[in-house]
Amino acid sequence: MDVDTAAAVERLSDRTDALESSFRGGLGELRGELGELRGELGELRGEVREGLAENRRHAQILFESLRDDIRILADGFAHISAKIDSLRR
């Protein structure tokens, strides 16, 4: 192998080593970012669960209130129905 070819092979080898080193560094950064994303997703899941639990409690309160309103209406209808029946007699 002549001197020019040997120098070209050496430069190519150096560039390959630099690319490999850069690639490994980039993978490390990517792994770090993925770890951060996992942490953020875990926090987000917790917030969503808390929000769902709060919405469920709120819905239960609304349903209880609605149930009370229906009960009041039913009592009112029963009272009016009884009055109408007493007037018919």
C-alpha atoms as a PDB file:
ATOM      1  CA  MET A   1       0.000   0.000   0.000  1.00  0.00           C
ATOM      2  CA  ASP A   2       1.451   3.377  -0.939  1.00  0.00           C
ATOM      3  CA  VAL A   3       1.765   6.359   1.425  1.00  0.00           C
ATOM      4  CA  ASP A   4      -1.267   8.245   0.080  1.00  0.00           C
ATOM      5  CA  THR A   5      -3.521   5.229   0.414  1.00  0.00           C
ATOM      6  CA  ALA A   6      -2.244   4.526   3.937  1.00  0.00           C
ATOM      7  CA  ALA A   7      -2.905   8.164   4.921  1.00  0.00           C
ATOM      8  CA  ALA A   8      -6.399   8.033   3.420  1.00  0.00           C
ATOM      9  CA  VAL A   9      -7.157   4.794   5.306  1.00  0.00           C
ATOM     10  CA  GLU A  10      -5.866   6.368   8.533  1.00  0.00           C
ATOM     11  CA  ARG A  11      -8.056   9.489   8.037  1.00  0.00           C
ATOM     12  CA  LEU A  12     -11.056   7.281   7.286  1.00  0.00           C
ATOM     13  CA  SER A  13     -10.374   5.255  10.428  1.00  0.00           C
ATOM     14  CA  ASP A  14     -10.162   8.455  12.507  1.00  0.00           C
ATOM     15  CA  ARG A  15     -13.444   9.740  11.067  1.00  0.00           C
ATOM     16  CA  THR A  16     -15.131   6.379  11.751  1.00  0.00           C
ATOM     17  CA  ASP A  17     -13.907   6.464  15.359  1.00  0.00           C
ATOM     18  CA  ALA A  18     -15.198  10.037  15.753  1.00  0.00           C
ATOM     19  CA  LEU A  19     -18.603   9.083  14.340  1.00  0.00           C
ATOM     20  CA  GLU A  20     -18.831   6.084  16.640  1.00  0.00           C
ATOM     21  CA  SER A  21     -17.932   8.210  19.649  1.00  0.00           C
ATOM     22  CA  SER A  22     -20.477  10.845  18.645  1.00  0.00           C
ATOM     23  CA  PHE A  23     -23.130   8.154  18.156  1.00  0.00           C
ATOM     24  CA  ARG A  24     -22.490   6.677  21.611  1.00  0.00           C
ATOM     25  CA  GLY A  25     -22.727  10.137  23.168  1.00  0.00           C
ATOM     26  CA  GLY A  26     -25.990  10.794  21.362  1.00  0.00           C
ATOM     27  CA  LEU A  27     -27.402   7.491  22.605  1.00  0.00           C
ATOM     28  CA  GLY A  28     -26.561   8.463  26.158  1.00  0.00           C
ATOM     29  CA  GLU A  29     -28.351  11.772  25.762  1.00  0.00           C
ATOM     30  CA  LEU A  30     -31.324  10.031  24.166  1.00  0.00           C
ATOM     31  CA  ARG A  31     -31.517   7.560  27.053  1.00  0.00           C
ATOM     32  CA  GLY A  32     -31.473  10.457  29.496  1.00  0.00           C
ATOM     33  CA  GLU A  33     -34.259  12.240  27.669  1.00  0.00           C
ATOM     34  CA  LEU A  34     -36.308   9.029  27.537  1.00  0.00           C
ATOM     35  CA  GLY A  35     -35.872   8.647  31.285  1.00  0.00           C
ATOM     36  CA  GLU A  36     -37.114  12.195  31.818  1.00  0.00           C
ATOM     37  CA  LEU A  37     -40.111  11.534  29.547  1.00  0.00           C
ATOM     38  CA  ARG A  38     -40.973   8.403  31.528  1.00  0.00           C
ATOM     39  CA  GLY A  39     -40.935  10.459  34.711  1.00  0.00           C
ATOM     40  CA  GLU A  40     -43.140  13.141  33.191  1.00  0.00           C
ATOM     41  CA  LEU A  41     -45.567  10.494  31.881  1.00  0.00           C
ATOM     42  CA  GLY A  42     -45.757   8.993  35.367  1.00  0.00           C
ATOM     43  CA  GLU A  43     -46.607  12.404  36.818  1.00  0.00           C
ATOM     44  CA  LEU A  44     -49.193  12.983  34.093  1.00  0.00           C
ATOM     45  CA  ARG A  45     -50.817   9.612  34.803  1.00  0.00           C
ATOM     46  CA  GLY A  46     -51.069  10.566  38.458  1.00  0.00           C
ATOM     47  CA  GLU A  47     -52.672  13.900  37.599  1.00  0.00           C
ATOM     48  CA  VAL A  48     -55.166  12.215  35.272  1.00  0.00           C
ATOM     49  CA  ARG A  49     -56.086   9.666  37.966  1.00  0.00           C
ATOM     50  CA  GLU A  50     -56.598  12.460  40.498  1.00  0.00           C
ATOM     51  CA  GLY A  51     -58.738  14.381  38.013  1.00  0.00           C
ATOM     52  CA  LEU A  52     -60.855  11.322  37.281  1.00  0.00           C
ATOM     53  CA  ALA A  53     -61.364  10.654  40.984  1.00  0.00           C
ATOM     54  CA  GLU A  54     -62.381  14.279  41.544  1.00  0.00           C
ATOM     55  CA  ASN A  55     -64.800  14.151  38.591  1.00  0.00           C
ATOM     56  CA  ARG A  56     -66.277  10.918  39.931  1.00  0.00           C
ATOM     57  CA  ARG A  57     -66.890  12.503  43.352  1.00  0.00           C
ATOM     58  CA  HIS A  58     -68.455  15.544  41.726  1.00  0.00           C
ATOM     59  CA  ALA A  59     -70.720  13.370  39.555  1.00  0.00           C
ATOM     60  CA  GLN A  60     -71.814  11.384  42.617  1.00  0.00           C
ATOM     61  CA  ILE A  61     -72.778  14.603  44.389  1.00  0.00           C
ATOM     62  CA  LEU A  62     -74.752  15.748  41.344  1.00  0.00           C
ATOM     63  CA  PHE A  63     -76.532  12.383  41.111  1.00  0.00           C
ATOM     64  CA  GLU A  64     -77.454  12.498  44.795  1.00  0.00           C
ATOM     65  CA  SER A  65     -78.852  16.002  44.318  1.00  0.00           C
ATOM     66  CA  LEU A  66     -80.800  14.879  41.247  1.00  0.00           C
ATOM     67  CA  ARG A  67     -82.134  11.870  43.139  1.00  0.00           C
ATOM     68  CA  ASP A  68     -83.354  14.211  45.908  1.00  0.00           C
ATOM     69  CA  ASP A  69     -85.035  16.468  43.332  1.00  0.00           C
ATOM     70  CA  ILE A  70     -86.797  13.478  41.758  1.00  0.00           C
ATOM     71  CA  ARG A  71     -87.924  12.315  45.190  1.00  0.00           C
ATOM     72  CA  ILE A  72     -89.359  15.776  45.934  1.00  0.00           C
ATOM     73  CA  LEU A  73     -91.200  15.789  42.594  1.00  0.00           C
ATOM     74  CA  ALA A  74     -92.559  12.294  43.197  1.00  0.00           C
ATOM     75  CA  ASP A  75     -93.813  13.343  46.649  1.00  0.00           C
ATOM     76  CA  GLY A  76     -95.440  16.413  45.092  1.00  0.00           C
ATOM     77  CA  PHE A  77     -97.148  14.341  42.404  1.00  0.00           C
ATOM     78  CA  ALA A  78     -98.365  11.868  45.011  1.00  0.00           C
ATOM     79  CA  HIS A  79     -99.745  14.724  47.108  1.00  0.00           C
ATOM     80  CA  ILE A  80    -101.525  16.313  44.118  1.00  0.00           C
ATOM     81  CA  SER A  81    -102.840  12.928  43.024  1.00  0.00           C
ATOM     82  CA  ALA A  82    -104.229  12.331  46.508  1.00  0.00           C
ATOM     83  CA  LYS A  83    -105.906  15.764  46.478  1.00  0.00           C
ATOM     84  CA  ILE A  84    -107.454  15.098  43.068  1.00  0.00           C
ATOM     85  CA  ASP A  85    -108.740  11.712  44.271  1.00  0.00           C
ATOM     86  CA  SER A  86    -110.251  13.308  47.396  1.00  0.00           C
ATOM     87  CA  LEU A  87    -111.982  15.967  45.279  1.00  0.00           C
ATOM     88  CA  ARG A  88    -113.500  13.314  43.003  1.00  0.00           C
ATOM     89  CA  ARG A  89    -115.205  11.600  45.945  1.00  0.00           C
END
